[in-house]
Amino acid sequence: MTQTLEISDDLMDRLESHCEEGETPEEFIEELVSMYETEGAFLQEGYSE
């Protein structure tokens, strides 16, 4: 089942600024979700437990 998520133009601009060349915002979000599911949290640079 496909869900539609509406986001603001500002957020779309921010997402697009993080995409690699040729990567869509949808692909970027899928990668973020996959990382979160695997790691349990997003890693932050310079952060250690």
Protein backbone atom coordinates (compact mmCIF):
# COMPACT_ATOMS: atom_id res chain seq x y z
CA MET A 1 0.00 0.00 0.00
CA THR A 2 1.39 3.38 -0.99
CA GLN A 3 0.99 6.38 1.30
CA THR A 4 1.24 10.00 0.22
CA LEU A 5 3.03 12.46 2.44
CA GLU A 6 2.74 16.18 1.85
CA ILE A 7 5.73 18.30 2.87
CA SER A 8 6.45 21.99 2.64
CA ASP A 9 8.52 23.49 -0.17
CA ASP A 10 11.19 24.45 2.39
CA LEU A 11 11.54 20.86 3.60
CA MET A 12 11.69 19.59 0.01
CA ASP A 13 14.50 22.05 -0.69
CA ARG A 14 16.37 20.81 2.37
CA LEU A 15 15.90 17.17 1.34
CA GLU A 16 17.08 17.88 -2.20
CA SER A 17 20.19 19.62 -0.87
CA HIS A 18 21.20 16.36 0.86
CA CYS A 19 20.58 14.09 -2.13
CA GLU A 20 23.51 12.75 -4.07
CA GLU A 21 23.63 13.44 -7.80
CA GLY A 22 20.82 11.55 -9.52
CA GLU A 23 19.18 10.56 -6.21
CA THR A 24 15.52 11.47 -5.66
CA PRO A 25 14.19 12.77 -2.34
CA GLU A 26 12.16 9.56 -2.09
CA GLU A 27 15.32 7.46 -2.38
CA PHE A 28 17.05 9.64 0.21
CA ILE A 29 14.16 9.17 2.66
CA GLU A 30 14.17 5.40 2.06
CA GLU A 31 17.89 5.35 2.89
CA LEU A 32 17.31 7.34 6.10
CA VAL A 33 14.52 5.00 7.22
CA SER A 34 16.66 1.96 6.45
CA MET A 35 19.55 3.39 8.50
CA TYR A 36 17.19 4.13 11.38
CA GLU A 37 15.71 0.63 11.31
CA THR A 38 19.17 -0.96 11.23
CA GLU A 39 20.87 1.21 13.83
CA GLY A 40 17.91 2.13 16.01
CA ALA A 41 18.85 5.79 15.82
CA PHE A 42 20.47 8.21 13.46
CA LEU A 43 24.19 8.55 14.02
CA GLN A 44 25.53 12.01 14.69
CA GLU A 45 29.06 12.96 13.76
CA GLY A 46 31.20 13.24 16.87
CA TYR A 47 28.69 11.40 19.06
CA SER A 48 29.72 8.32 20.99
CA GLU A 49 27.98 6.30 23.67
